[in-house]
Protein backbone atom coordinates (compact mmCIF):
# COMPACT_ATOMS: atom_id res chain seq x y z
CA MET A 1 234.09 131.60 -175.04
CA ASP A 2 233.25 131.94 -178.69
CA ASP A 3 231.72 129.87 -181.21
CA LEU A 4 233.89 129.80 -184.18
CA ALA A 5 232.10 127.00 -187.20
CA ARG A 6 228.68 127.13 -188.77
CA THR A 7 229.10 123.51 -189.97
CA PRO A 8 226.24 121.01 -189.52
CA GLN A 9 225.99 118.57 -186.38
CA ARG A 10 227.04 115.46 -188.25
CA GLU A 11 230.71 116.78 -188.81
CA SER A 12 233.28 115.89 -185.94
CA HIS A 13 233.18 118.96 -183.41
CA VAL A 14 236.59 120.38 -182.01
CA LEU A 15 237.15 122.19 -179.03
CA VAL A 16 240.20 124.34 -179.23
CA VAL A 17 241.23 125.63 -176.01
CA ASP A 18 244.07 128.32 -176.05
CA ASP A 19 244.82 132.18 -174.49
CA ASP A 20 245.67 133.54 -177.17
CA PRO A 21 242.94 134.84 -179.98
CA GLN A 22 245.18 134.67 -182.66
CA ILE A 23 246.21 130.63 -182.86
CA ARG A 24 242.28 130.24 -181.41
CA LEU A 25 241.31 132.22 -184.71
CA LEU A 26 243.64 130.65 -187.04
CA VAL A 27 243.46 126.74 -185.84
CA ALA A 28 239.85 127.42 -186.28
CA ARG A 29 239.62 128.89 -189.87
CA LEU A 30 242.06 125.98 -191.06
CA LEU A 31 239.50 123.41 -188.93
CA ARG A 32 236.60 124.90 -190.44
CA ALA A 33 238.32 124.53 -193.95
CA ASN A 34 238.80 120.72 -193.70
CA GLY A 35 234.74 120.37 -192.93
CA TYR A 36 235.09 120.31 -188.56
CA ARG A 37 232.71 121.97 -186.71
CA VAL A 38 234.89 124.23 -184.15
CA SER A 39 234.33 125.97 -180.57
CA ALA A 40 237.31 128.22 -179.14
CA ALA A 41 237.51 128.66 -175.18
CA ARG A 42 240.13 131.04 -173.43
CA ASP A 43 240.50 128.97 -170.23
CA GLY A 44 239.39 125.90 -168.55
CA VAL A 45 236.17 127.34 -167.22
CA GLU A 46 234.88 128.25 -170.54
CA MET A 47 236.19 124.79 -171.55
CA LYS A 48 234.19 123.00 -169.07
CA GLN A 49 231.24 125.50 -170.19
CA VAL A 50 231.63 123.96 -173.75
CA LEU A 51 231.71 120.63 -172.83
CA GLY A 52 228.66 121.17 -170.66
CA SER A 53 226.51 122.39 -173.54
CA THR A 54 227.59 120.63 -176.05
CA ALA A 55 228.97 117.14 -177.35
CA VAL A 56 232.75 117.57 -178.65
CA ASP A 57 234.78 114.80 -180.12
CA LEU A 58 238.39 116.19 -179.92
CA VAL A 59 240.05 119.01 -177.52
CA VAL A 60 243.52 121.06 -178.37
CA LEU A 61 244.48 121.76 -175.09
CA ASP A 62 247.22 124.98 -174.78
CA VAL A 63 249.42 123.46 -171.62
CA MET A 64 250.25 127.14 -170.33
CA LEU A 65 246.15 128.40 -169.57
CA PRO A 66 245.54 131.38 -166.80
CA GLY A 67 244.12 129.73 -164.06
CA ALA A 68 244.30 125.51 -164.10
CA SER A 69 247.01 124.41 -166.69
CA GLY A 70 246.70 122.44 -169.32
CA PHE A 71 247.92 119.58 -167.64
CA ASP A 72 245.33 119.94 -164.41
CA LEU A 73 242.56 119.82 -167.22
CA CYS A 74 243.89 116.67 -169.31
CA ARG A 75 243.68 114.97 -165.86
CA ASP A 76 240.26 116.05 -165.00
CA LEU A 77 239.15 114.80 -169.05
CA ARG A 78 241.08 111.70 -168.47
CA ARG A 79 239.14 110.79 -165.39
CA ASP A 80 235.79 111.78 -167.06
CA SER A 81 235.83 111.03 -170.46
CA ARG A 82 238.00 108.96 -173.39
CA MET A 83 237.33 111.78 -176.17
CA PRO A 84 241.25 112.38 -177.91
CA VAL A 85 243.28 115.43 -176.86
CA ILE A 86 246.10 116.92 -178.48
CA MET A 87 248.27 119.20 -176.43
CA LEU A 88 250.31 122.27 -177.45
CA THR A 89 253.01 124.01 -175.33
CA ALA A 90 255.70 126.94 -175.73
CA ARG A 91 257.67 124.23 -173.83
CA GLY A 92 259.01 121.35 -175.69
CA GLU A 93 261.18 119.54 -173.56
CA GLU A 94 260.96 115.94 -173.53
CA ALA A 95 259.63 115.78 -169.91
CA ASP A 96 256.96 117.98 -170.80
CA ARG A 97 256.19 116.45 -173.60
CA ILE A 98 256.14 112.59 -171.18
CA ALA A 99 254.03 114.25 -168.46
CA GLY A 100 251.28 115.44 -170.71
CA LEU A 101 251.70 111.82 -172.48
CA ASP A 102 251.60 110.21 -169.20
CA LEU A 103 248.31 112.42 -168.03
CA GLY A 104 246.71 110.85 -171.05
CA ALA A 105 246.67 113.15 -173.78
CA ASP A 106 247.00 111.35 -177.41
CA ASP A 107 249.60 114.16 -178.86
CA TYR A 108 251.88 116.82 -178.04
CA LEU A 109 252.61 119.60 -180.27
CA ALA A 110 255.37 122.39 -179.31
CA LYS A 111 254.77 126.18 -179.72
CA PRO A 112 255.62 127.26 -183.03
CA PHE A 113 254.10 124.92 -184.45
CA SER A 114 252.72 124.50 -188.09
CA PRO A 115 248.94 124.89 -187.68
CA ARG A 116 248.63 122.43 -190.86
CA GLU A 117 250.34 120.22 -189.07
CA LEU A 118 247.70 120.16 -186.37
CA VAL A 119 245.14 119.90 -188.79
CA ALA A 120 247.01 117.12 -190.19
CA ARG A 121 247.64 115.60 -186.34
CA ILE A 122 243.66 115.76 -185.06
CA ASN A 123 242.91 114.39 -188.94
CA ALA A 124 244.74 111.29 -188.05
CA VAL A 125 243.20 110.78 -184.91
CA MET A 126 239.36 111.14 -186.22
CA ARG A 127 240.19 108.36 -189.11
CA ARG A 128 241.18 106.11 -186.35
CA VAL A 129 237.82 106.99 -184.05
CA ARG A 130 236.01 107.36 -187.12
CA ALA A 131 237.55 103.55 -188.57
CA ASP A 132 236.96 102.05 -184.69
CA GLY A 133 233.25 103.26 -185.26
CA ALA A 134 232.56 102.45 -188.30
CA THR A 135 230.39 99.31 -189.12
CA HIS A 136 232.73 96.33 -188.72
CA SER A 137 231.90 93.20 -191.39
CA LEU A 138 231.25 89.85 -190.21
CA THR A 139 234.42 88.50 -190.19
CA ALA A 140 236.09 91.51 -188.54
CA ALA A 141 236.21 90.60 -184.61
CA ARG A 142 234.27 92.75 -182.51
CA ALA A 143 236.07 92.16 -179.49
CA PHE A 144 239.05 90.38 -177.94
CA ARG A 145 238.92 88.13 -174.80
CA PHE A 146 242.13 88.16 -172.73
CA ALA A 147 243.13 86.22 -168.95
CA GLY A 148 239.64 87.17 -168.39
CA TRP A 149 239.53 90.44 -169.96
CA THR A 150 237.14 91.84 -172.72
CA LEU A 151 238.59 94.77 -175.42
CA ASP A 152 234.95 95.81 -176.95
CA VAL A 153 235.75 97.28 -180.64
CA VAL A 154 232.81 98.53 -181.21
CA ARG A 155 232.38 100.43 -177.79
CA ARG A 156 235.82 100.97 -177.10
CA GLU A 157 236.02 100.10 -173.90
CA LEU A 158 238.20 97.68 -172.18
CA THR A 159 236.20 95.52 -169.45
CA ASP A 160 238.79 93.74 -166.19
CA PRO A 161 237.67 90.19 -164.83
CA HIS A 162 235.45 91.10 -162.71
CA GLY A 163 233.20 93.36 -165.08
CA ALA A 164 234.39 96.72 -164.25
CA VAL A 165 235.00 99.29 -167.35
CA VAL A 166 238.60 100.48 -167.79
CA ASP A 167 239.43 103.44 -168.56
CA LEU A 168 241.90 104.24 -171.63
CA SER A 169 243.28 107.10 -173.64
CA THR A 170 242.62 106.44 -177.39
CA GLY A 171 246.24 106.17 -177.25
CA GLU A 172 245.93 103.55 -175.07
CA PHE A 173 243.25 101.77 -176.60
CA ASP A 174 244.40 101.22 -180.18
CA MET A 175 248.14 100.54 -178.41
CA LEU A 176 246.09 97.34 -176.80
CA ARG A 177 244.13 96.65 -179.81
CA ALA A 178 246.97 96.18 -181.81
CA PHE A 179 248.46 94.02 -179.64
CA THR A 180 245.31 91.76 -179.48
CA GLU A 181 245.47 91.56 -183.13
CA ALA A 182 248.82 90.13 -183.17
CA PRO A 183 249.72 88.16 -179.83
CA GLY A 184 253.16 86.38 -179.51
CA LYS A 185 254.77 88.73 -181.97
CA VAL A 186 257.01 91.35 -181.94
CA LEU A 187 255.71 94.53 -182.59
CA GLY A 188 258.83 97.58 -183.14
CA ARG A 189 258.06 100.83 -181.97
CA ASP A 190 257.69 102.51 -185.14
CA LEU A 191 254.75 99.86 -186.18
CA LEU A 192 252.88 100.85 -182.57
CA LEU A 193 253.58 104.73 -183.15
CA ASP A 194 251.94 104.07 -186.22
CA LEU A 195 249.18 101.41 -185.35
CA ALA A 196 248.59 102.89 -182.10
CA LYS A 197 248.48 106.69 -182.29
CA ASN A 198 248.43 107.23 -186.14
CA ARG A 199 250.76 110.05 -185.13
CA ILE A 200 253.09 111.58 -187.72
CA ALA A 201 256.45 110.74 -187.13
CA THR A 202 258.91 113.03 -184.65
CA GLY A 203 261.77 110.53 -183.55
CA PHE A 204 259.95 110.71 -180.10
CA ASP A 205 260.71 107.21 -178.82
CA ARG A 206 259.70 107.39 -175.14
CA VAL A 207 255.97 108.00 -175.98
CA VAL A 208 255.74 104.34 -176.94
CA ASP A 209 257.21 103.37 -173.52
CA VAL A 210 255.64 105.57 -171.71
CA GLN A 211 252.09 104.00 -173.31
CA ILE A 212 253.44 100.44 -172.68
CA SER A 213 254.27 101.74 -168.73
CA ARG A 214 250.82 103.18 -168.52
CA LEU A 215 248.74 99.88 -170.11
CA ARG A 216 251.08 97.36 -168.02
CA LYS A 217 249.29 99.62 -164.79
CA LYS A 218 246.24 99.48 -166.21
CA ILE A 219 246.33 95.25 -167.00
CA GLU A 220 248.74 93.95 -164.97
CA SER A 221 249.54 93.24 -161.02
CA ASP A 222 252.44 92.87 -159.21
CA ALA A 223 250.85 89.22 -158.39
CA GLN A 224 251.21 88.13 -161.94
CA ALA A 225 254.21 86.19 -162.42
CA GLU A 226 254.36 86.68 -166.12
CA PRO A 227 253.80 89.87 -167.59
CA MET A 228 250.85 90.67 -170.27
CA ILE A 229 252.87 93.39 -172.20
CA LYS A 230 257.43 91.40 -172.44
CA THR A 231 259.68 93.86 -173.59
CA ILE A 232 261.70 92.37 -176.21
CA ARG A 233 265.04 94.15 -175.64
CA GLY A 234 266.49 95.83 -179.33
CA THR A 235 263.35 95.26 -180.58
CA GLY A 236 259.87 96.17 -179.36
CA TYR A 237 256.94 94.48 -177.16
CA MET A 238 255.33 90.77 -177.55
CA PHE A 239 251.93 91.04 -175.78
CA MET A 240 251.89 87.37 -174.47
CA PRO A 241 247.94 86.12 -173.18
CA ALA A 242 246.25 83.78 -175.42
CA VAL A 243 243.74 86.34 -177.15
CA GLU A 244 239.87 84.93 -178.68
CA ARG A 245 238.11 86.92 -181.22
CA ARG A 246 234.88 87.46 -180.99
C-alpha cells in the first residue's frame, strides 16, 4: 500500500486499486498533476485498509486482482457506500462491462487505456459530484417528491414512501435526477448519458439500459399498474409520475 500524494486534504482523494505497480504510479502521477490527492492499493485487502483509515472520494478499481476480484470489491463498496467507482479491465467484452455497471460501477475503461482519458473521466465524475454538493440558489430545487418518494439533491439521498433511504450509485442518482427535472418529457439515450453519467461518449448504448433496469428495480414494485419509467421505443425514456419541486 503506497500513499502517492502530498497535496492538501481539501483536494479530492482518489484511491487507485491495481496490482500493476506501473499503472498505479502512472495514474497517480497524472492525477497529482491535475490537483488530486492519490492513494494506491495492490488488492482488496489494502483497499479496505485505506478506506478504513481516510476519506476517499472516488475509487479506480481493476477487475483482475489477486484474491477478491474487482467485481466482488465493487459489490462490497456499493453495499456500504455511494462513492463513485470507475472500473479498469483487460477484458473489454460487452458482457464484462455490463456486469461491472450492473454492480454499481459509474464508468468502465478497458485496458490498454489512455491514462489521460481515465483522468478526463475522473474529472467528469468529480465535476458532477462537486456541482451537486455546491450551494444551491434560492430558486433551485433542493428536493423532488414523486409518488411518495423524495430525492434529496443536497444530501444525494433517495427516500422511499416508508422513510427508508435507498442506496443509489452516482450514475443512478444522476439519472433519476435528470428524470425528475423533466417529468413527462422524453429523454433520449444520448441525453441520459450526458446528464446521468457525464461520461465520454463510447457508443456503448446499453449503459443507459442497464442503469434504467437498476432504477426500475429500486423504485418500482411488481404491483404497480403503470411503470414510473416508460420506454418510448426508438427514442428513449419518459418519467411518468407527477413531480413536486421543493
